[in-house]
Every structure is written in structure tokens, then in C-alpha cells.
Amino acid sequence: EQLEMYKECFRMMDINKDGTIDKNDLRGAFDNVGVLMSEGELDELLGEIGGPCTYDNMVKMFQEKMSGEGNDPDDLIIQAFKAYDIEGKIDVKMFQHAL
């Protein structure tokens, strides 16, 4: 069930449907939910994958983060919410779309 969710998420983010999420795909995915990301933020997110952002590499990164390696799980959750934070609030429609 978790892997199916990852697969659907990857398909949504792979805007050009080439099997790899690049900076333009990532920018487009965030733009679609109304979040403008800087070049540095996009580079940082892609850098967490440790190679090309393919489905397999994305799942591996999520598994490592969920197992406690890398970021603290609480920090990861806080970072996810901060991605949708607009002056201390989260837009309901944007959040629902992301879910």
C-alpha cells in the first residue's frame, strides 16, 4: 500500500513522464500546489536522493528516512508542513490537493 502511494506520487511529480524527476518536474509539482521554490531549495531536495531521481531511488530515500537514517522523523514531518506554510497557516485546498 505504501509503495503504491509512492508510485502514484512519483507519477504526479514526473511531469514530462520520462521516468526521472528533474528540477523542472519538481518545480512544476510545487507550482501546481501553489508553492514557489528557489533554485537552491530544488537542488537541496534533489540532492537528498543521491543520484538520479528515479522511482527506485525515491523509494530508497523514503525508506532510509523512515528507518531513522538521515533526518529525524519529527524533523521530516515539520519540514513537510513547512513546505505548505504561508505566514503560519496552511491553505486547506492546497493541503487537500497534496494529500
N, C-alpha and C. Protein backbone atom coordinates (compact mmCIF):
# COMPACT_ATOMS: atom_id res chain seq x y z
N GLU A 1 0.83 -1.20 0.00
CA GLU A 1 0.00 0.00 0.00
C GLU A 1 0.87 1.26 0.00
N GLN A 2 1.92 1.25 0.82
CA GLN A 2 2.85 2.38 0.89
C GLN A 2 3.55 2.57 -0.46
N LEU A 3 3.99 1.47 -1.06
CA LEU A 3 4.69 1.56 -2.35
C LEU A 3 3.77 2.08 -3.44
N GLU A 4 2.51 1.70 -3.39
CA GLU A 4 1.55 2.20 -4.37
C GLU A 4 1.37 3.72 -4.22
N MET A 5 1.37 4.19 -2.98
CA MET A 5 1.27 5.62 -2.74
C MET A 5 2.50 6.33 -3.30
N TYR A 6 3.69 5.77 -3.08
CA TYR A 6 4.91 6.35 -3.62
C TYR A 6 4.86 6.39 -5.15
N LYS A 7 4.37 5.29 -5.75
CA LYS A 7 4.30 5.22 -7.21
C LYS A 7 3.37 6.29 -7.76
N GLU A 8 2.23 6.47 -7.14
CA GLU A 8 1.28 7.50 -7.59
C GLU A 8 1.88 8.89 -7.41
N CYS A 9 2.53 9.11 -6.30
CA CYS A 9 3.20 10.39 -6.04
C CYS A 9 4.26 10.66 -7.11
N PHE A 10 5.06 9.65 -7.42
CA PHE A 10 6.10 9.80 -8.43
C PHE A 10 5.49 10.13 -9.78
N ARG A 11 4.42 9.44 -10.14
CA ARG A 11 3.77 9.70 -11.44
C ARG A 11 3.26 11.13 -11.52
N MET A 12 2.72 11.64 -10.41
CA MET A 12 2.22 13.01 -10.40
C MET A 12 3.36 14.02 -10.54
N MET A 13 4.49 13.72 -9.96
CA MET A 13 5.61 14.66 -9.97
C MET A 13 6.43 14.58 -11.26
N ASP A 14 6.41 13.43 -11.93
CA ASP A 14 7.17 13.26 -13.18
C ASP A 14 6.36 13.87 -14.32
N ILE A 15 6.37 15.18 -14.37
CA ILE A 15 5.50 15.91 -15.28
C ILE A 15 5.80 15.59 -16.75
N ASN A 16 7.07 15.44 -17.12
CA ASN A 16 7.38 15.14 -18.52
C ASN A 16 7.37 13.63 -18.82
N LYS A 17 7.05 12.83 -17.82
CA LYS A 17 6.85 11.37 -17.96
C LYS A 17 8.05 10.64 -18.57
N ASP A 18 9.27 11.06 -18.16
CA ASP A 18 10.46 10.38 -18.68
C ASP A 18 11.05 9.38 -17.69
N GLY A 19 10.37 9.17 -16.56
CA GLY A 19 10.85 8.19 -15.58
C GLY A 19 11.84 8.73 -14.57
N THR A 20 12.16 10.03 -14.68
CA THR A 20 13.09 10.67 -13.76
C THR A 20 12.53 12.04 -13.39
N ILE A 21 12.54 12.35 -12.10
CA ILE A 21 12.09 13.67 -11.67
C ILE A 21 13.31 14.59 -11.70
N ASP A 22 13.25 15.59 -12.59
CA ASP A 22 14.33 16.57 -12.65
C ASP A 22 13.85 17.87 -12.00
N LYS A 23 14.69 18.87 -12.05
CA LYS A 23 14.38 20.14 -11.39
C LYS A 23 13.11 20.76 -11.96
N ASN A 24 12.92 20.67 -13.28
CA ASN A 24 11.70 21.24 -13.88
C ASN A 24 10.45 20.50 -13.43
N ASP A 25 10.53 19.17 -13.31
CA ASP A 25 9.39 18.39 -12.81
C ASP A 25 9.07 18.81 -11.38
N LEU A 26 10.10 18.90 -10.56
CA LEU A 26 9.91 19.24 -9.16
C LEU A 26 9.32 20.65 -9.01
N ARG A 27 9.87 21.59 -9.79
CA ARG A 27 9.35 22.96 -9.77
C ARG A 27 7.87 22.97 -10.17
N GLY A 28 7.53 22.24 -11.23
CA GLY A 28 6.15 22.17 -11.69
C GLY A 28 5.22 21.55 -10.66
N ALA A 29 5.69 20.51 -9.98
CA ALA A 29 4.86 19.86 -8.96
C ALA A 29 4.56 20.83 -7.82
N PHE A 30 5.57 21.58 -7.38
CA PHE A 30 5.35 22.55 -6.31
C PHE A 30 4.49 23.71 -6.81
N ASP A 31 4.73 24.15 -8.05
CA ASP A 31 3.90 25.22 -8.62
C ASP A 31 2.43 24.81 -8.65
N ASN A 32 2.17 23.54 -8.95
CA ASN A 32 0.80 23.04 -9.03
C ASN A 32 0.05 23.14 -7.71
N VAL A 33 0.78 23.16 -6.61
CA VAL A 33 0.14 23.30 -5.30
C VAL A 33 0.37 24.70 -4.72
N GLY A 34 0.86 25.61 -5.57
CA GLY A 34 1.00 27.00 -5.16
C GLY A 34 2.20 27.32 -4.31
N VAL A 35 3.24 26.49 -4.36
CA VAL A 35 4.45 26.73 -3.57
C VAL A 35 5.59 27.05 -4.53
N LEU A 36 6.14 28.25 -4.39
CA LEU A 36 7.27 28.64 -5.21
C LEU A 36 8.56 28.25 -4.50
N MET A 37 9.40 27.50 -5.18
CA MET A 37 10.65 27.02 -4.60
C MET A 37 11.82 27.72 -5.30
N SER A 38 12.85 28.07 -4.52
CA SER A 38 14.05 28.67 -5.10
C SER A 38 14.89 27.57 -5.75
N GLU A 39 15.83 28.00 -6.60
CA GLU A 39 16.74 27.04 -7.24
C GLU A 39 17.48 26.23 -6.18
N GLY A 40 17.93 26.92 -5.12
CA GLY A 40 18.66 26.25 -4.05
C GLY A 40 17.82 25.21 -3.33
N GLU A 41 16.55 25.53 -3.08
CA GLU A 41 15.66 24.58 -2.42
C GLU A 41 15.42 23.36 -3.30
N LEU A 42 15.23 23.58 -4.59
CA LEU A 42 15.03 22.47 -5.51
C LEU A 42 16.28 21.59 -5.58
N ASP A 43 17.45 22.23 -5.65
CA ASP A 43 18.71 21.48 -5.67
C ASP A 43 18.88 20.66 -4.40
N GLU A 44 18.53 21.27 -3.26
CA GLU A 44 18.66 20.57 -1.98
C GLU A 44 17.76 19.34 -1.93
N LEU A 45 16.52 19.50 -2.37
CA LEU A 45 15.59 18.36 -2.37
C LEU A 45 16.10 17.25 -3.28
N LEU A 46 16.53 17.61 -4.49
CA LEU A 46 17.03 16.59 -5.41
C LEU A 46 18.32 15.96 -4.90
N GLY A 47 19.12 16.74 -4.17
CA GLY A 47 20.36 16.23 -3.61
C GLY A 47 20.16 15.15 -2.56
N GLU A 48 19.00 15.14 -1.93
CA GLU A 48 18.71 14.12 -0.91
C GLU A 48 18.57 12.74 -1.51
N ILE A 49 18.30 12.65 -2.81
CA ILE A 49 18.10 11.35 -3.46
C ILE A 49 19.42 10.60 -3.60
N GLY A 50 20.51 11.30 -3.86
CA GLY A 50 21.81 10.65 -4.01
C GLY A 50 21.98 9.99 -5.36
N GLY A 51 21.54 10.64 -6.40
CA GLY A 51 21.63 10.12 -7.77
C GLY A 51 20.43 10.60 -8.55
N PRO A 52 20.21 10.03 -9.73
CA PRO A 52 19.03 10.43 -10.50
C PRO A 52 17.76 10.14 -9.70
N CYS A 53 16.79 11.01 -9.79
CA CYS A 53 15.55 10.82 -9.03
C CYS A 53 14.59 9.93 -9.80
N THR A 54 14.92 8.64 -9.81
CA THR A 54 14.04 7.63 -10.40
C THR A 54 13.09 7.14 -9.31
N TYR A 55 12.09 6.38 -9.71
CA TYR A 55 11.16 5.83 -8.73
C TYR A 55 11.90 5.01 -7.68
N ASP A 56 12.79 4.12 -8.13
CA ASP A 56 13.51 3.25 -7.20
C ASP A 56 14.37 4.06 -6.22
N ASN A 57 15.06 5.08 -6.72
CA ASN A 57 15.89 5.90 -5.83
C ASN A 57 15.05 6.71 -4.86
N MET A 58 13.87 7.17 -5.31
CA MET A 58 12.99 7.92 -4.43
C MET A 58 12.49 7.02 -3.29
N VAL A 59 12.08 5.80 -3.62
CA VAL A 59 11.61 4.86 -2.60
C VAL A 59 12.73 4.54 -1.62
N LYS A 60 13.93 4.34 -2.14
CA LYS A 60 15.09 4.05 -1.26
C LYS A 60 15.32 5.20 -0.28
N MET A 61 15.23 6.44 -0.78
CA MET A 61 15.42 7.61 0.07
C MET A 61 14.33 7.67 1.15
N PHE A 62 13.07 7.43 0.75
CA PHE A 62 11.98 7.45 1.73
C PHE A 62 12.18 6.35 2.78
N GLN A 63 12.60 5.17 2.35
CA GLN A 63 12.82 4.07 3.29
C GLN A 63 13.92 4.41 4.28
N GLU A 64 14.99 5.03 3.81
CA GLU A 64 16.08 5.43 4.70
C GLU A 64 15.61 6.47 5.71
N LYS A 65 14.83 7.43 5.24
CA LYS A 65 14.34 8.47 6.14
C LYS A 65 13.35 7.89 7.16
N MET A 66 12.51 6.98 6.72
CA MET A 66 11.53 6.39 7.63
C MET A 66 12.17 5.44 8.64
N SER A 67 13.35 4.90 8.29
CA SER A 67 14.01 3.98 9.22
C SER A 67 14.85 4.72 10.24
N GLY A 68 14.87 6.05 10.14
CA GLY A 68 15.60 6.84 11.12
C GLY A 68 16.95 7.31 10.65
N GLU A 69 17.42 6.85 9.49
CA GLU A 69 18.69 7.32 8.96
C GLU A 69 18.47 8.70 8.36
N GLY A 70 19.47 9.55 8.44
CA GLY A 70 19.33 10.89 7.87
C GLY A 70 18.58 11.78 8.83
N ASN A 71 17.51 12.39 8.39
CA ASN A 71 16.74 13.31 9.23
C ASN A 71 15.95 12.58 10.29
N ASP A 72 15.76 13.25 11.40
CA ASP A 72 14.87 12.76 12.44
C ASP A 72 13.45 12.75 11.89
N PRO A 73 12.65 11.68 12.12
CA PRO A 73 11.29 11.65 11.59
C PRO A 73 10.46 12.87 11.97
N ASP A 74 10.62 13.37 13.20
CA ASP A 74 9.87 14.56 13.60
C ASP A 74 10.27 15.76 12.75
N ASP A 75 11.58 15.89 12.49
CA ASP A 75 12.06 16.99 11.65
C ASP A 75 11.51 16.87 10.23
N LEU A 76 11.42 15.66 9.74
CA LEU A 76 10.91 15.43 8.40
C LEU A 76 9.45 15.86 8.30
N ILE A 77 8.67 15.53 9.30
CA ILE A 77 7.25 15.92 9.31
C ILE A 77 7.13 17.43 9.38
N ILE A 78 7.93 18.06 10.21
CA ILE A 78 7.90 19.52 10.33
C ILE A 78 8.28 20.15 9.00
N GLN A 79 9.29 19.62 8.32
CA GLN A 79 9.71 20.15 7.03
C GLN A 79 8.58 20.02 6.00
N ALA A 80 7.88 18.89 6.03
CA ALA A 80 6.78 18.70 5.09
C ALA A 80 5.70 19.75 5.31
N PHE A 81 5.36 20.02 6.55
CA PHE A 81 4.34 21.04 6.82
C PHE A 81 4.85 22.44 6.46
N LYS A 82 6.14 22.68 6.68
CA LYS A 82 6.69 24.00 6.33
C LYS A 82 6.61 24.26 4.84
N ALA A 83 6.65 23.21 4.04
CA ALA A 83 6.54 23.37 2.59
C ALA A 83 5.21 24.00 2.20
N TYR A 84 4.20 23.83 3.04
CA TYR A 84 2.86 24.38 2.76
C TYR A 84 2.53 25.58 3.63
N ASP A 85 3.48 26.01 4.45
CA ASP A 85 3.26 27.11 5.39
C ASP A 85 3.23 28.45 4.67
N ILE A 86 2.17 29.20 4.87
CA ILE A 86 2.06 30.56 4.36
C ILE A 86 1.74 31.45 5.55
N GLU A 87 2.76 32.16 6.04
CA GLU A 87 2.61 33.05 7.18
C GLU A 87 1.95 32.35 8.37
N GLY A 88 2.42 31.16 8.67
CA GLY A 88 1.94 30.43 9.84
C GLY A 88 0.65 29.65 9.64
N LYS A 89 0.14 29.64 8.42
CA LYS A 89 -1.10 28.90 8.13
C LYS A 89 -0.89 28.03 6.89
N ILE A 90 -1.72 27.01 6.78
CA ILE A 90 -1.67 26.12 5.63
C ILE A 90 -2.99 26.26 4.89
N ASP A 91 -2.91 26.54 3.57
CA ASP A 91 -4.10 26.66 2.76
C ASP A 91 -4.77 25.28 2.63
N VAL A 92 -6.02 25.20 3.01
CA VAL A 92 -6.73 23.92 3.06
C VAL A 92 -6.79 23.26 1.68
N LYS A 93 -7.13 24.02 0.65
CA LYS A 93 -7.26 23.43 -0.68
C LYS A 93 -5.92 22.90 -1.18
N MET A 94 -4.85 23.64 -0.92
CA MET A 94 -3.53 23.19 -1.34
C MET A 94 -3.15 21.91 -0.59
N PHE A 95 -3.44 21.87 0.70
CA PHE A 95 -3.12 20.71 1.51
C PHE A 95 -3.94 19.49 1.08
N GLN A 96 -5.22 19.68 0.82
CA GLN A 96 -6.07 18.58 0.36
C GLN A 96 -5.59 18.05 -0.98
N HIS A 97 -5.17 18.97 -1.86
CA HIS A 97 -4.66 18.55 -3.17
C HIS A 97 -3.40 17.68 -3.01
N ALA A 98 -2.55 18.08 -2.08
CA ALA A 98 -1.32 17.34 -1.83
C ALA A 98 -1.59 15.95 -1.28
N LEU A 99 -2.65 15.82 -0.47
CA LEU A 99 -2.97 14.51 0.09
C LEU A 99 -3.58 13.63 -0.96
